[in-house]
N, C-alpha and C. Protein backbone atom coordinates (compact mmCIF):
# COMPACT_ATOMS: atom_id res chain seq x y z
N GLY A 1 8.88 7.31 6.94
CA GLY A 1 8.70 5.95 6.54
C GLY A 1 9.31 4.98 7.52
N VAL A 2 10.60 5.03 7.69
CA VAL A 2 11.29 4.07 8.55
C VAL A 2 10.94 4.31 10.02
N ALA A 3 10.90 5.57 10.42
CA ALA A 3 10.59 5.88 11.82
C ALA A 3 9.18 5.43 12.17
N LEU A 4 8.26 5.60 11.26
CA LEU A 4 6.89 5.16 11.51
C LEU A 4 6.81 3.64 11.58
N GLY A 5 7.54 2.97 10.73
CA GLY A 5 7.59 1.50 10.78
C GLY A 5 8.18 0.99 12.08
N LEU A 6 9.22 1.64 12.56
CA LEU A 6 9.82 1.23 13.84
C LEU A 6 8.88 1.51 15.01
N ALA A 7 8.16 2.62 14.96
CA ALA A 7 7.20 2.93 16.02
C ALA A 7 6.07 1.91 16.04
N ILE A 8 5.60 1.51 14.88
CA ILE A 8 4.54 0.51 14.81
C ILE A 8 5.04 -0.83 15.31
N SER A 9 6.26 -1.20 14.95
CA SER A 9 6.79 -2.49 15.40
C SER A 9 7.02 -2.50 16.90
N GLY A 10 7.24 -1.35 17.51
CA GLY A 10 7.42 -1.29 18.95
C GLY A 10 6.12 -1.40 19.72
N VAL A 11 5.01 -1.08 19.06
CA VAL A 11 3.71 -1.11 19.73
C VAL A 11 3.12 -2.51 19.75
N PHE A 12 3.26 -3.24 18.67
CA PHE A 12 2.60 -4.54 18.54
C PHE A 12 3.51 -5.67 19.01
N VAL A 13 2.89 -6.72 19.53
CA VAL A 13 3.63 -7.84 20.10
C VAL A 13 4.12 -8.79 19.03
N THR A 14 3.29 -9.08 18.04
CA THR A 14 3.67 -10.04 17.00
C THR A 14 3.89 -9.32 15.67
N VAL A 15 4.64 -9.96 14.82
CA VAL A 15 4.95 -9.39 13.51
C VAL A 15 3.70 -9.33 12.65
N SER A 16 2.85 -10.33 12.74
CA SER A 16 1.65 -10.35 11.90
C SER A 16 0.70 -9.20 12.24
N TYR A 17 0.55 -8.87 13.52
CA TYR A 17 -0.29 -7.74 13.90
C TYR A 17 0.32 -6.43 13.41
N ALA A 18 1.61 -6.29 13.57
CA ALA A 18 2.29 -5.06 13.13
C ALA A 18 2.20 -4.91 11.61
N PHE A 19 2.40 -5.99 10.89
CA PHE A 19 2.35 -5.94 9.43
C PHE A 19 0.94 -5.60 8.95
N THR A 20 -0.07 -6.19 9.56
CA THR A 20 -1.45 -5.91 9.17
C THR A 20 -1.81 -4.46 9.44
N PHE A 21 -1.46 -3.96 10.61
CA PHE A 21 -1.75 -2.56 10.94
C PHE A 21 -1.01 -1.61 10.01
N GLN A 22 0.25 -1.92 9.73
CA GLN A 22 1.04 -1.05 8.87
C GLN A 22 0.49 -1.05 7.45
N LEU A 23 0.05 -2.18 6.97
CA LEU A 23 -0.52 -2.27 5.62
C LEU A 23 -1.78 -1.41 5.53
N VAL A 24 -2.65 -1.54 6.50
CA VAL A 24 -3.89 -0.74 6.50
C VAL A 24 -3.57 0.75 6.63
N LEU A 25 -2.64 1.09 7.50
CA LEU A 25 -2.28 2.49 7.70
C LEU A 25 -1.68 3.12 6.44
N PHE A 26 -0.78 2.41 5.79
CA PHE A 26 -0.16 2.99 4.60
C PHE A 26 -1.11 3.02 3.41
N MET A 27 -2.05 2.08 3.36
CA MET A 27 -3.08 2.18 2.31
C MET A 27 -3.97 3.39 2.56
N LEU A 28 -4.27 3.66 3.82
CA LEU A 28 -5.04 4.85 4.17
C LEU A 28 -4.24 6.12 3.83
N PHE A 29 -2.95 6.10 4.11
CA PHE A 29 -2.10 7.24 3.75
C PHE A 29 -2.10 7.47 2.24
N MET A 30 -2.03 6.40 1.47
CA MET A 30 -2.04 6.54 0.02
C MET A 30 -3.40 7.03 -0.47
N LEU A 31 -4.47 6.62 0.19
CA LEU A 31 -5.80 7.06 -0.18
C LEU A 31 -5.94 8.57 0.01
N VAL A 32 -5.54 9.08 1.16
CA VAL A 32 -5.68 10.51 1.41
C VAL A 32 -4.55 11.31 0.79
N GLY A 33 -3.48 10.65 0.35
CA GLY A 33 -2.35 11.36 -0.22
C GLY A 33 -2.52 11.77 -1.67
N GLY A 34 -3.56 11.29 -2.35
CA GLY A 34 -3.81 11.70 -3.72
C GLY A 34 -3.54 10.64 -4.75
N PHE A 35 -3.16 9.44 -4.36
CA PHE A 35 -2.88 8.40 -5.34
C PHE A 35 -4.16 7.82 -5.94
N TYR A 36 -5.19 7.64 -5.13
CA TYR A 36 -6.40 6.97 -5.60
C TYR A 36 -7.54 7.93 -5.91
N VAL A 37 -7.72 8.94 -5.11
CA VAL A 37 -8.79 9.91 -5.32
C VAL A 37 -8.22 11.32 -5.20
N GLU A 38 -8.80 12.23 -5.94
CA GLU A 38 -8.36 13.62 -5.87
C GLU A 38 -9.23 14.43 -4.93
N GLU A 39 -10.51 14.13 -4.86
CA GLU A 39 -11.44 14.86 -4.00
C GLU A 39 -11.84 13.97 -2.84
N LEU A 40 -11.61 14.42 -1.63
CA LEU A 40 -12.01 13.70 -0.43
C LEU A 40 -13.25 14.36 0.16
N PRO A 41 -14.05 13.60 0.90
CA PRO A 41 -15.18 14.24 1.59
C PRO A 41 -14.67 15.31 2.55
N SER A 42 -15.50 16.30 2.78
CA SER A 42 -15.07 17.43 3.60
C SER A 42 -14.74 17.02 5.03
N TRP A 43 -15.38 15.98 5.55
CA TRP A 43 -15.11 15.55 6.92
C TRP A 43 -13.80 14.78 7.02
N PHE A 44 -13.18 14.44 5.87
CA PHE A 44 -11.95 13.65 5.89
C PHE A 44 -10.76 14.41 5.32
N GLU A 45 -10.93 15.69 5.05
CA GLU A 45 -9.84 16.51 4.48
C GLU A 45 -8.63 16.60 5.41
N TRP A 46 -8.83 16.55 6.70
CA TRP A 46 -7.73 16.67 7.65
C TRP A 46 -6.75 15.51 7.53
N GLY A 47 -7.19 14.36 7.01
CA GLY A 47 -6.33 13.19 6.91
C GLY A 47 -5.13 13.38 6.00
N LYS A 48 -5.26 14.25 5.00
CA LYS A 48 -4.13 14.45 4.08
C LYS A 48 -2.95 15.14 4.75
N TYR A 49 -3.21 15.90 5.81
CA TYR A 49 -2.11 16.58 6.50
C TYR A 49 -1.35 15.64 7.43
N LEU A 50 -1.93 14.51 7.77
CA LEU A 50 -1.24 13.51 8.60
C LEU A 50 -0.41 12.55 7.76
N SER A 51 -0.69 12.48 6.49
CA SER A 51 -0.06 11.50 5.62
C SER A 51 1.27 12.00 5.07
N PRO A 52 2.37 11.26 5.29
CA PRO A 52 3.64 11.66 4.67
C PRO A 52 3.62 11.48 3.16
N VAL A 53 2.73 10.64 2.67
CA VAL A 53 2.61 10.41 1.23
C VAL A 53 2.14 11.68 0.53
N THR A 54 1.30 12.46 1.19
CA THR A 54 0.81 13.72 0.60
C THR A 54 1.95 14.64 0.25
N TYR A 55 2.88 14.80 1.15
CA TYR A 55 3.99 15.72 0.93
C TYR A 55 4.93 15.21 -0.15
N ALA A 56 5.18 13.92 -0.19
CA ALA A 56 6.03 13.35 -1.23
C ALA A 56 5.35 13.45 -2.60
N TYR A 57 4.06 13.18 -2.64
CA TYR A 57 3.30 13.26 -3.89
C TYR A 57 3.27 14.70 -4.41
N ASP A 58 3.02 15.66 -3.53
CA ASP A 58 3.00 17.06 -3.94
C ASP A 58 4.38 17.53 -4.40
N ALA A 59 5.43 17.08 -3.75
CA ALA A 59 6.78 17.46 -4.16
C ALA A 59 7.11 16.88 -5.53
N GLY A 60 6.69 15.65 -5.78
CA GLY A 60 6.91 15.04 -7.09
C GLY A 60 6.16 15.76 -8.19
N LEU A 61 4.91 16.14 -7.92
CA LEU A 61 4.14 16.89 -8.90
C LEU A 61 4.76 18.25 -9.16
N TYR A 62 5.21 18.92 -8.11
CA TYR A 62 5.84 20.23 -8.26
C TYR A 62 7.12 20.13 -9.08
N ALA A 63 7.94 19.14 -8.77
CA ALA A 63 9.21 18.99 -9.49
C ALA A 63 8.98 18.62 -10.95
N THR A 64 7.92 17.89 -11.22
CA THR A 64 7.67 17.45 -12.59
C THR A 64 7.04 18.55 -13.44
N PHE A 65 6.07 19.25 -12.90
CA PHE A 65 5.28 20.14 -13.74
C PHE A 65 5.52 21.63 -13.54
N TYR A 66 6.08 22.06 -12.41
CA TYR A 66 6.16 23.49 -12.14
C TYR A 66 7.57 24.07 -12.15
N LEU A 67 8.59 23.25 -12.19
CA LEU A 67 9.94 23.81 -12.18
C LEU A 67 10.31 24.43 -13.52
N GLY A 68 9.80 23.92 -14.59
CA GLY A 68 10.02 24.52 -15.89
C GLY A 68 11.46 24.49 -16.33
N ASP A 69 12.01 25.65 -16.68
CA ASP A 69 13.36 25.75 -17.21
C ASP A 69 14.38 26.07 -16.12
N VAL A 70 14.26 25.45 -15.01
CA VAL A 70 15.21 25.67 -13.92
C VAL A 70 16.46 24.86 -14.21
N SER A 71 17.60 25.49 -14.11
CA SER A 71 18.85 24.76 -14.31
C SER A 71 19.57 24.63 -12.97
N PHE A 72 20.19 23.51 -12.78
CA PHE A 72 20.90 23.24 -11.54
C PHE A 72 22.39 23.24 -11.82
N SER A 73 23.15 23.98 -11.04
CA SER A 73 24.60 24.00 -11.21
C SER A 73 25.23 23.02 -10.22
N ARG A 74 26.38 22.48 -10.61
CA ARG A 74 27.01 21.45 -9.81
C ARG A 74 27.94 22.00 -8.74
N GLY A 75 28.35 23.15 -8.78
CA GLY A 75 29.25 23.67 -7.76
C GLY A 75 30.68 23.18 -7.99
N GLU A 76 31.32 22.69 -6.95
CA GLU A 76 32.71 22.24 -7.02
C GLU A 76 32.83 20.90 -7.75
N ALA A 77 34.05 20.39 -7.81
CA ALA A 77 34.31 19.14 -8.52
C ALA A 77 33.49 18.01 -7.92
N GLY A 78 32.89 17.24 -8.80
CA GLY A 78 32.04 16.14 -8.37
C GLY A 78 32.81 14.84 -8.24
N LEU A 79 32.12 13.81 -7.86
CA LEU A 79 32.72 12.51 -7.63
C LEU A 79 33.23 11.89 -8.93
N PHE A 80 32.50 12.10 -10.03
CA PHE A 80 32.83 11.42 -11.27
C PHE A 80 33.51 12.33 -12.29
N ASP A 81 34.11 13.45 -11.84
CA ASP A 81 34.76 14.35 -12.78
C ASP A 81 35.97 13.73 -13.45
N SER A 82 36.64 12.81 -12.79
CA SER A 82 37.83 12.23 -13.39
C SER A 82 37.48 11.12 -14.38
N TYR A 83 36.20 10.77 -14.50
CA TYR A 83 35.78 9.73 -15.44
C TYR A 83 34.73 10.30 -16.37
N PRO A 84 35.18 11.05 -17.39
CA PRO A 84 34.19 11.63 -18.30
C PRO A 84 33.55 10.56 -19.17
N VAL A 85 32.26 10.63 -19.30
CA VAL A 85 31.51 9.66 -20.09
C VAL A 85 30.65 10.45 -21.06
N SER A 86 30.73 10.08 -22.31
CA SER A 86 29.85 10.69 -23.30
C SER A 86 29.02 9.60 -23.93
N GLY A 87 28.13 10.01 -24.78
CA GLY A 87 27.27 9.04 -25.45
C GLY A 87 28.03 8.10 -26.37
N LYS A 88 29.21 8.56 -26.86
CA LYS A 88 29.98 7.73 -27.79
C LYS A 88 30.74 6.63 -27.05
N THR A 89 31.10 6.86 -25.80
CA THR A 89 31.87 5.86 -25.07
C THR A 89 31.00 4.82 -24.37
N VAL A 90 29.71 5.06 -24.32
CA VAL A 90 28.83 4.11 -23.63
C VAL A 90 28.45 2.99 -24.52
C-alpha cells in the first residue's frame, strides 16, 4: 500500500496526476481482488495475482470462515497483564 503510493508519487510530476492514476489503479485492484465481481473473464484472470487487495481479501475470508475452533495462546506476560479488566469493571 504505502510503497506503491510512494512509487506512484515519484513517477508523476503533479499531485493531481498521481492522485488520479492511483485512484484508477486501486479501483482496478479492488475490481480484480474480489470486492465487486467474483468471476472475471478468462483473459483478465492474471490481474488478480498483481493486486495486493486479492491477498488481503483472501486472508480475511480465510480467517473469518476457515479457522474454526482455533485457539491462540498469549505466551509470556503481555502489556496489559497488570491491569485486569472484566466485564463488571467496565
